[in-house]
Amino acid sequence: MNLSATQYNMFFSFYFIPNIVLPLFTGYFADLFGRKLGLLICSAVLVVGHFFFALGISNHSFAMSVIGRLIYGIGADSYQTIALECLSFWNLEFLSMSMAIHSAAEGLGSGLNNFLLPQLYAITQNLPLGFWIGFVFAILCLLTAVLFGLIESCASNSQALVLNHELPKLSGMFKFPLLFWLLTFQVCFFCGNTNSFSAIMGGMVQIRFGFNVQEAGVLIVIFAHNE
């Protein structure tokens, strides 16, 4: 799209603009309307936002791409807040281990994205393809949110899917309820979708330091997720 440095940075700025204040109200929203509805709405906003972003990239429309990033940003951090609230509700006895696995899923989704998409671009030379793959991940994120809501609604009471108290063991992760693993897969899909644009747009790294697209992707995997 022949973006200038200012235009490129606007993708980040418009993503973070709504997240300056929106997460402050996310917890209240989830408590007022429920975790299931909050997770579903945020996931749907992610799908809509990434659709317009990918469509803008495909049509070389900077304005549409920025609008897509703005919409995406509205749902992104709010989604993460509600997902962590769901995680803590269903895994109180193993919260530390649950959050560790949750964090590992984030790294897996982001790392695979940043490593594989540059390889795909090197083979196909098709820039929009990577963004549409990110859109597929956004849809998977939405579908797992729907499935999470259905299963939680079917639970007879709030303790039906919670583990019995015992000392934490590594093998205990295999006893985690299905809702936990749905949240884990969902955050993996979410991070794969979120970073589908940063992996491809690593061109700035290539231009500044002279790396090829594969090397830039590997560097992003090593450095970008140690924040």
C-alpha atoms as a PDB file:
ATOM      1  CA  MET A   1       0.000   0.000   0.000  1.00  0.00           C
ATOM      2  CA  ASN A   2       3.089   2.246   0.009  1.00  0.00           C
ATOM      3  CA  LEU A   3       2.379   3.520   3.517  1.00  0.00           C
ATOM      4  CA  SER A   4       4.396   6.276   5.110  1.00  0.00           C
ATOM      5  CA  ALA A   5       5.744   5.829   8.628  1.00  0.00           C
ATOM      6  CA  THR A   6       2.965   8.094   9.916  1.00  0.00           C
ATOM      7  CA  GLN A   7       0.244   6.063   8.225  1.00  0.00           C
ATOM      8  CA  TYR A   8       1.740   2.823   9.450  1.00  0.00           C
ATOM      9  CA  ASN A   9       1.796   4.078  13.041  1.00  0.00           C
ATOM     10  CA  MET A  10      -1.827   5.182  12.714  1.00  0.00           C
ATOM     11  CA  PHE A  11      -2.775   1.504  12.570  1.00  0.00           C
ATOM     12  CA  PHE A  12      -1.420   1.176  16.103  1.00  0.00           C
ATOM     13  CA  SER A  13      -2.823   4.521  17.278  1.00  0.00           C
ATOM     14  CA  PHE A  14      -6.383   3.827  16.134  1.00  0.00           C
ATOM     15  CA  TYR A  15      -6.228   0.406  17.779  1.00  0.00           C
ATOM     16  CA  PHE A  16      -5.231   1.899  21.142  1.00  0.00           C
ATOM     17  CA  ILE A  17      -7.444   5.030  21.093  1.00  0.00           C
ATOM     18  CA  PRO A  18     -10.613   3.262  22.340  1.00  0.00           C
ATOM     19  CA  ASN A  19      -8.579   1.273  24.843  1.00  0.00           C
ATOM     20  CA  ILE A  20      -7.522   4.399  26.699  1.00  0.00           C
ATOM     21  CA  VAL A  21     -10.858   4.501  28.527  1.00  0.00           C
ATOM     22  CA  LEU A  22     -12.985   1.558  27.349  1.00  0.00           C
ATOM     23  CA  PRO A  23     -11.423  -1.165  29.556  1.00  0.00           C
ATOM     24  CA  LEU A  24     -12.372   0.922  32.615  1.00  0.00           C
ATOM     25  CA  PHE A  25     -16.018   0.140  31.882  1.00  0.00           C
ATOM     26  CA  THR A  26     -15.591  -3.412  30.627  1.00  0.00           C
ATOM     27  CA  GLY A  27     -15.724  -5.023  34.067  1.00  0.00           C
ATOM     28  CA  TYR A  28     -18.893  -3.129  34.941  1.00  0.00           C
ATOM     29  CA  PHE A  29     -20.430  -4.143  31.625  1.00  0.00           C
ATOM     30  CA  ALA A  30     -19.598  -7.822  32.221  1.00  0.00           C
ATOM     31  CA  ASP A  31     -21.054  -7.723  35.743  1.00  0.00           C
ATOM     32  CA  LEU A  32     -24.193  -5.954  34.545  1.00  0.00           C
ATOM     33  CA  PHE A  33     -25.006  -8.049  31.478  1.00  0.00           C
ATOM     34  CA  GLY A  34     -23.051 -11.242  32.177  1.00  0.00           C
ATOM     35  CA  ARG A  35     -19.782 -12.800  31.053  1.00  0.00           C
ATOM     36  CA  LYS A  36     -21.321 -14.785  28.200  1.00  0.00           C
ATOM     37  CA  LEU A  37     -22.903 -11.777  26.508  1.00  0.00           C
ATOM     38  CA  GLY A  38     -19.806  -9.632  27.034  1.00  0.00           C
ATOM     39  CA  LEU A  39     -17.498 -12.265  25.544  1.00  0.00           C
ATOM     40  CA  LEU A  40     -19.836 -12.779  22.596  1.00  0.00           C
ATOM     41  CA  ILE A  41     -20.205  -9.062  21.821  1.00  0.00           C
ATOM     42  CA  CYS A  42     -16.461  -8.399  22.040  1.00  0.00           C
ATOM     43  CA  SER A  43     -15.697 -11.381  19.794  1.00  0.00           C
ATOM     44  CA  ALA A  44     -18.280 -10.184  17.252  1.00  0.00           C
ATOM     45  CA  VAL A  45     -16.725  -6.706  17.254  1.00  0.00           C
ATOM     46  CA  LEU A  46     -13.337  -8.319  16.573  1.00  0.00           C
ATOM     47  CA  VAL A  47     -14.758 -10.097  13.524  1.00  0.00           C
ATOM     48  CA  VAL A  48     -16.359  -6.929  12.130  1.00  0.00           C
ATOM     49  CA  GLY A  49     -13.257  -4.827  12.753  1.00  0.00           C
ATOM     50  CA  HIS A  50     -10.847  -7.272  11.185  1.00  0.00           C
ATOM     51  CA  PHE A  51     -13.161  -7.763   8.207  1.00  0.00           C
ATOM     52  CA  PHE A  52     -13.042  -4.051   7.361  1.00  0.00           C
ATOM     53  CA  PHE A  53      -9.301  -3.982   7.996  1.00  0.00           C
ATOM     54  CA  ALA A  54      -8.630  -6.914   5.662  1.00  0.00           C
ATOM     55  CA  LEU A  55     -11.063  -5.495   3.090  1.00  0.00           C
ATOM     56  CA  GLY A  56      -9.266  -2.148   3.216  1.00  0.00           C
ATOM     57  CA  ILE A  57      -5.903  -3.820   2.663  1.00  0.00           C
ATOM     58  CA  SER A  58      -7.292  -5.823  -0.253  1.00  0.00           C
ATOM     59  CA  ASN A  59      -8.760  -2.680  -1.870  1.00  0.00           C
ATOM     60  CA  HIS A  60      -5.742  -0.492  -1.030  1.00  0.00           C
ATOM     61  CA  SER A  61      -8.016   1.744   1.034  1.00  0.00           C
ATOM     62  CA  PHE A  62      -6.109   3.285   3.919  1.00  0.00           C
ATOM     63  CA  ALA A  63      -9.257   4.939   5.347  1.00  0.00           C
ATOM     64  CA  MET A  64     -11.178   1.648   5.486  1.00  0.00           C
ATOM     65  CA  SER A  65      -8.190  -0.112   7.044  1.00  0.00           C
ATOM     66  CA  VAL A  66      -7.905   2.504   9.792  1.00  0.00           C
ATOM     67  CA  ILE A  67     -11.649   2.308  10.513  1.00  0.00           C
ATOM     68  CA  GLY A  68     -11.300  -1.461  10.762  1.00  0.00           C
ATOM     69  CA  ARG A  69      -8.462  -1.084  13.260  1.00  0.00           C
ATOM     70  CA  LEU A  70     -10.569   1.337  15.312  1.00  0.00           C
ATOM     71  CA  ILE A  71     -13.510  -1.070  15.448  1.00  0.00           C
ATOM     72  CA  TYR A  72     -11.162  -3.940  16.216  1.00  0.00           C
ATOM     73  CA  GLY A  73      -9.587  -1.981  19.048  1.00  0.00           C
ATOM     74  CA  ILE A  74     -13.000  -1.430  20.634  1.00  0.00           C
ATOM     75  CA  GLY A  75     -13.384  -5.164  21.164  1.00  0.00           C
ATOM     76  CA  ALA A  76      -9.804  -6.333  21.638  1.00  0.00           C
ATOM     77  CA  ASP A  77      -8.738  -5.288  25.147  1.00  0.00           C
ATOM     78  CA  SER A  78     -12.281  -5.554  26.454  1.00  0.00           C
ATOM     79  CA  TYR A  79     -12.332  -9.138  25.213  1.00  0.00           C
ATOM     80  CA  GLN A  80      -9.129  -9.931  27.079  1.00  0.00           C
ATOM     81  CA  THR A  81     -10.489  -8.438  30.295  1.00  0.00           C
ATOM     82  CA  ILE A  82     -13.689 -10.495  30.167  1.00  0.00           C
ATOM     83  CA  ALA A  83     -11.824 -13.666  29.170  1.00  0.00           C
ATOM     84  CA  LEU A  84      -9.593 -13.374  32.250  1.00  0.00           C
ATOM     85  CA  GLU A  85     -12.679 -12.836  34.409  1.00  0.00           C
ATOM     86  CA  CYS A  86     -14.199 -16.034  32.987  1.00  0.00           C
ATOM     87  CA  LEU A  87     -10.943 -17.848  33.572  1.00  0.00           C
ATOM     88  CA  SER A  88     -10.763 -16.827  37.225  1.00  0.00           C
ATOM     89  CA  PHE A  89     -14.409 -17.726  37.827  1.00  0.00           C
ATOM     90  CA  TRP A  90     -14.098 -21.304  36.634  1.00  0.00           C
ATOM     91  CA  ASN A  91     -10.580 -22.123  37.877  1.00  0.00           C
ATOM     92  CA  LEU A  92     -10.269 -20.622  41.352  1.00  0.00           C
ATOM     93  CA  GLU A  93      -8.431 -23.654  42.825  1.00  0.00           C
ATOM     94  CA  PHE A  94      -5.866 -23.710  40.012  1.00  0.00           C
ATOM     95  CA  LEU A  95      -5.871 -20.042  39.068  1.00  0.00           C
ATOM     96  CA  SER A  96      -2.096 -19.606  38.801  1.00  0.00           C
ATOM     97  CA  MET A  97      -1.640 -22.688  36.615  1.00  0.00           C
ATOM     98  CA  SER A  98      -4.694 -21.771  34.561  1.00  0.00           C
ATOM     99  CA  MET A  99      -3.388 -18.276  33.868  1.00  0.00           C
ATOM    100  CA  ALA A 100       0.030 -19.685  32.977  1.00  0.00           C
ATOM    101  CA  ILE A 101      -1.512 -21.993  30.353  1.00  0.00           C
ATOM    102  CA  HIS A 102      -3.683 -19.107  29.182  1.00  0.00           C
ATOM    103  CA  SER A 103      -0.582 -16.938  28.733  1.00  0.00           C
ATOM    104  CA  ALA A 104       1.206 -19.758  26.903  1.00  0.00           C
ATOM    105  CA  ALA A 105      -1.743 -19.986  24.490  1.00  0.00           C
ATOM    106  CA  GLU A 106      -1.389 -16.274  23.775  1.00  0.00           C
ATOM    107  CA  GLY A 107       2.293 -16.751  22.986  1.00  0.00           C
ATOM    108  CA  LEU A 108       1.536 -19.781  20.816  1.00  0.00           C
ATOM    109  CA  GLY A 109      -1.036 -17.943  18.717  1.00  0.00           C
ATOM    110  CA  SER A 110       1.151 -14.864  18.321  1.00  0.00           C
ATOM    111  CA  GLY A 111       4.399 -16.760  17.767  1.00  0.00           C
ATOM    112  CA  LEU A 112       3.027 -19.112  15.130  1.00  0.00           C
ATOM    113  CA  ASN A 113       1.417 -16.180  13.372  1.00  0.00           C
ATOM    114  CA  ASN A 114       4.597 -14.116  13.265  1.00  0.00           C
ATOM    115  CA  PHE A 115       6.657 -17.092  12.128  1.00  0.00           C
ATOM    116  CA  LEU A 116       4.357 -18.676   9.543  1.00  0.00           C
ATOM    117  CA  LEU A 117       2.740 -15.695   7.804  1.00  0.00           C
ATOM    118  CA  PRO A 118       6.039 -14.238   6.555  1.00  0.00           C
ATOM    119  CA  GLN A 119       6.834 -17.664   5.113  1.00  0.00           C
ATOM    120  CA  LEU A 120       3.426 -17.683   3.421  1.00  0.00           C
ATOM    121  CA  TYR A 121       3.988 -14.194   2.013  1.00  0.00           C
ATOM    122  CA  ALA A 122       7.431 -15.183   0.720  1.00  0.00           C
ATOM    123  CA  ILE A 123       5.819 -18.054  -1.200  1.00  0.00           C
ATOM    124  CA  THR A 124       2.660 -16.358  -2.478  1.00  0.00           C
ATOM    125  CA  GLN A 125       3.662 -12.650  -2.575  1.00  0.00           C
ATOM    126  CA  ASN A 126       0.007 -12.049  -1.684  1.00  0.00           C
ATOM    127  CA  LEU A 127      -0.193  -9.403   1.056  1.00  0.00           C
ATOM    128  CA  PRO A 128      -3.981  -9.494   1.704  1.00  0.00           C
ATOM    129  CA  LEU A 129      -3.941 -13.292   2.123  1.00  0.00           C
ATOM    130  CA  GLY A 130      -2.319 -13.025   5.540  1.00  0.00           C
ATOM    131  CA  PHE A 131      -4.988 -10.612   6.737  1.00  0.00           C
ATOM    132  CA  TRP A 132      -7.803 -12.860   5.535  1.00  0.00           C
ATOM    133  CA  ILE A 133      -6.220 -15.762   7.400  1.00  0.00           C
ATOM    134  CA  GLY A 134      -6.368 -13.481  10.442  1.00  0.00           C
ATOM    135  CA  PHE A 135     -10.079 -12.977   9.702  1.00  0.00           C
ATOM    136  CA  VAL A 136     -10.590 -16.749   9.814  1.00  0.00           C
ATOM    137  CA  PHE A 137      -8.956 -16.784  13.249  1.00  0.00           C
ATOM    138  CA  ALA A 138     -11.328 -14.010  14.337  1.00  0.00           C
ATOM    139  CA  ILE A 139     -14.293 -16.148  13.283  1.00  0.00           C
ATOM    140  CA  LEU A 140     -12.879 -19.110  15.234  1.00  0.00           C
ATOM    141  CA  CYS A 141     -12.589 -16.800  18.227  1.00  0.00           C
ATOM    142  CA  LEU A 142     -16.272 -15.879  17.868  1.00  0.00           C
ATOM    143  CA  LEU A 143     -17.353 -19.512  17.476  1.00  0.00           C
ATOM    144  CA  THR A 144     -15.536 -20.558  20.654  1.00  0.00           C
ATOM    145  CA  ALA A 145     -17.227 -17.660  22.479  1.00  0.00           C
ATOM    146  CA  VAL A 146     -20.617 -18.973  21.323  1.00  0.00           C
ATOM    147  CA  LEU A 147     -19.723 -22.508  22.403  1.00  0.00           C
ATOM    148  CA  PHE A 148     -18.481 -21.222  25.757  1.00  0.00           C
ATOM    149  CA  GLY A 149     -21.783 -19.437  26.347  1.00  0.00           C
ATOM    150  CA  LEU A 150     -23.840 -22.502  25.439  1.00  0.00           C
ATOM    151  CA  ILE A 151     -21.897 -24.803  27.749  1.00  0.00           C
ATOM    152  CA  GLU A 152     -21.911 -22.354  30.655  1.00  0.00           C
ATOM    153  CA  SER A 153     -25.662 -21.881  30.232  1.00  0.00           C
ATOM    154  CA  CYS A 154     -26.156 -25.627  30.458  1.00  0.00           C
ATOM    155  CA  ALA A 155     -24.250 -25.903  33.733  1.00  0.00           C
ATOM    156  CA  SER A 156     -26.695 -26.727  36.508  1.00  0.00           C
ATOM    157  CA  ASN A 157     -24.973 -24.385  38.962  1.00  0.00           C
ATOM    158  CA  SER A 158     -21.808 -22.312  39.310  1.00  0.00           C
ATOM    159  CA  GLN A 159     -19.919 -25.199  40.904  1.00  0.00           C
ATOM    160  CA  ALA A 160     -20.823 -27.846  38.349  1.00  0.00           C
ATOM    161  CA  LEU A 161     -17.637 -27.448  36.346  1.00  0.00           C
ATOM    162  CA  VAL A 162     -15.213 -26.310  39.070  1.00  0.00           C
ATOM    163  CA  LEU A 163     -12.485 -28.679  40.203  1.00  0.00           C
ATOM    164  CA  ASN A 164     -12.384 -30.043  43.717  1.00  0.00           C
ATOM    165  CA  HIS A 165      -9.776 -28.438  45.960  1.00  0.00           C
ATOM    166  CA  GLU A 166      -6.421 -30.244  46.035  1.00  0.00           C
ATOM    167  CA  LEU A 167      -2.759 -29.344  45.908  1.00  0.00           C
ATOM    168  CA  PRO A 168      -1.770 -28.124  42.431  1.00  0.00           C
ATOM    169  CA  LYS A 169      -0.012 -30.689  40.244  1.00  0.00           C
ATOM    170  CA  LEU A 170       1.190 -30.382  36.684  1.00  0.00           C
ATOM    171  CA  SER A 171      -0.980 -33.356  35.767  1.00  0.00           C
ATOM    172  CA  GLY A 172      -3.930 -31.416  37.125  1.00  0.00           C
ATOM    173  CA  MET A 173      -4.195 -29.484  33.875  1.00  0.00           C
ATOM    174  CA  PHE A 174      -5.700 -32.560  32.235  1.00  0.00           C
ATOM    175  CA  LYS A 175      -8.581 -32.349  34.724  1.00  0.00           C
ATOM    176  CA  PHE A 176      -9.430 -28.757  33.870  1.00  0.00           C
ATOM    177  CA  PRO A 177     -13.042 -28.303  32.728  1.00  0.00           C
ATOM    178  CA  LEU A 178     -13.998 -27.937  29.093  1.00  0.00           C
ATOM    179  CA  LEU A 179     -14.793 -24.254  29.603  1.00  0.00           C
ATOM    180  CA  PHE A 180     -11.171 -23.600  30.510  1.00  0.00           C
ATOM    181  CA  TRP A 181      -9.881 -25.220  27.326  1.00  0.00           C
ATOM    182  CA  LEU A 182     -12.422 -23.301  25.245  1.00  0.00           C
ATOM    183  CA  LEU A 183     -11.086 -20.067  26.725  1.00  0.00           C
ATOM    184  CA  THR A 184      -7.534 -21.244  26.041  1.00  0.00           C
ATOM    185  CA  PHE A 185      -8.238 -22.019  22.388  1.00  0.00           C
ATOM    186  CA  GLN A 186     -10.162 -18.777  22.082  1.00  0.00           C
ATOM    187  CA  VAL A 187      -7.266 -16.627  23.308  1.00  0.00           C
ATOM    188  CA  CYS A 188      -4.945 -18.549  20.968  1.00  0.00           C
ATOM    189  CA  PHE A 189      -7.225 -17.734  18.024  1.00  0.00           C
ATOM    190  CA  PHE A 190      -7.508 -14.152  19.271  1.00  0.00           C
ATOM    191  CA  CYS A 191      -3.750 -13.602  19.390  1.00  0.00           C
ATOM    192  CA  GLY A 192      -3.296 -15.283  16.014  1.00  0.00           C
ATOM    193  CA  ASN A 193      -5.845 -12.850  14.622  1.00  0.00           C
ATOM    194  CA  THR A 194      -4.514  -9.779  16.473  1.00  0.00           C
ATOM    195  CA  ASN A 195      -0.986 -10.206  15.186  1.00  0.00           C
ATOM    196  CA  SER A 196      -1.825 -11.172  11.620  1.00  0.00           C
ATOM    197  CA  PHE A 197      -1.115  -7.595  10.594  1.00  0.00           C
ATOM    198  CA  SER A 198       2.059  -7.019  12.610  1.00  0.00           C
ATOM    199  CA  ALA A 199       3.709 -10.126  11.164  1.00  0.00           C
ATOM    200  CA  ILE A 200       3.213  -9.088   7.558  1.00  0.00           C
ATOM    201  CA  MET A 201       3.881  -5.418   8.237  1.00  0.00           C
ATOM    202  CA  GLY A 202       7.329  -6.269   9.556  1.00  0.00           C
ATOM    203  CA  GLY A 203       8.520  -4.550   6.406  1.00  0.00           C
ATOM    204  CA  MET A 204       9.679  -1.655   8.529  1.00  0.00           C
ATOM    205  CA  VAL A 205      12.162  -3.983  10.190  1.00  0.00           C
ATOM    206  CA  GLN A 206      13.284  -5.197   6.797  1.00  0.00           C
ATOM    207  CA  ILE A 207      13.790  -1.692   5.434  1.00  0.00           C
ATOM    208  CA  ARG A 208      15.561  -0.342   8.486  1.00  0.00           C
ATOM    209  CA  PHE A 209      17.876  -3.300   9.147  1.00  0.00           C
ATOM    210  CA  GLY A 210      18.050  -5.032   5.771  1.00  0.00           C
ATOM    211  CA  PHE A 211      16.477  -8.359   6.846  1.00  0.00           C
ATOM    212  CA  ASN A 212      14.408 -10.462   4.505  1.00  0.00           C
ATOM    213  CA  VAL A 213      10.762 -11.217   5.303  1.00  0.00           C
ATOM    214  CA  GLN A 214      11.482 -14.570   6.997  1.00  0.00           C
ATOM    215  CA  GLU A 215      14.222 -13.115   9.187  1.00  0.00           C
ATOM    216  CA  ALA A 216      11.953 -10.219  10.176  1.00  0.00           C
ATOM    217  CA  GLY A 217       9.239 -12.703  11.203  1.00  0.00           C
ATOM    218  CA  VAL A 218      11.668 -14.667  13.369  1.00  0.00           C
ATOM    219  CA  LEU A 219      12.870 -11.458  15.053  1.00  0.00           C
ATOM    220  CA  ILE A 220       9.296 -10.495  15.871  1.00  0.00           C
ATOM    221  CA  VAL A 221       8.728 -13.924  17.464  1.00  0.00           C
ATOM    222  CA  ILE A 222      11.876 -13.516  19.593  1.00  0.00           C
ATOM    223  CA  PHE A 223      11.483  -9.923  20.692  1.00  0.00           C
ATOM    224  CA  ALA A 224       7.919  -8.674  20.274  1.00  0.00           C
ATOM    225  CA  HIS A 225       6.372 -11.061  22.783  1.00  0.00           C
ATOM    226  CA  ASN A 226       8.789 -10.491  25.614  1.00  0.00           C
ATOM    227  CA  GLU A 227       7.115  -7.210  26.542  1.00  0.00           C
END
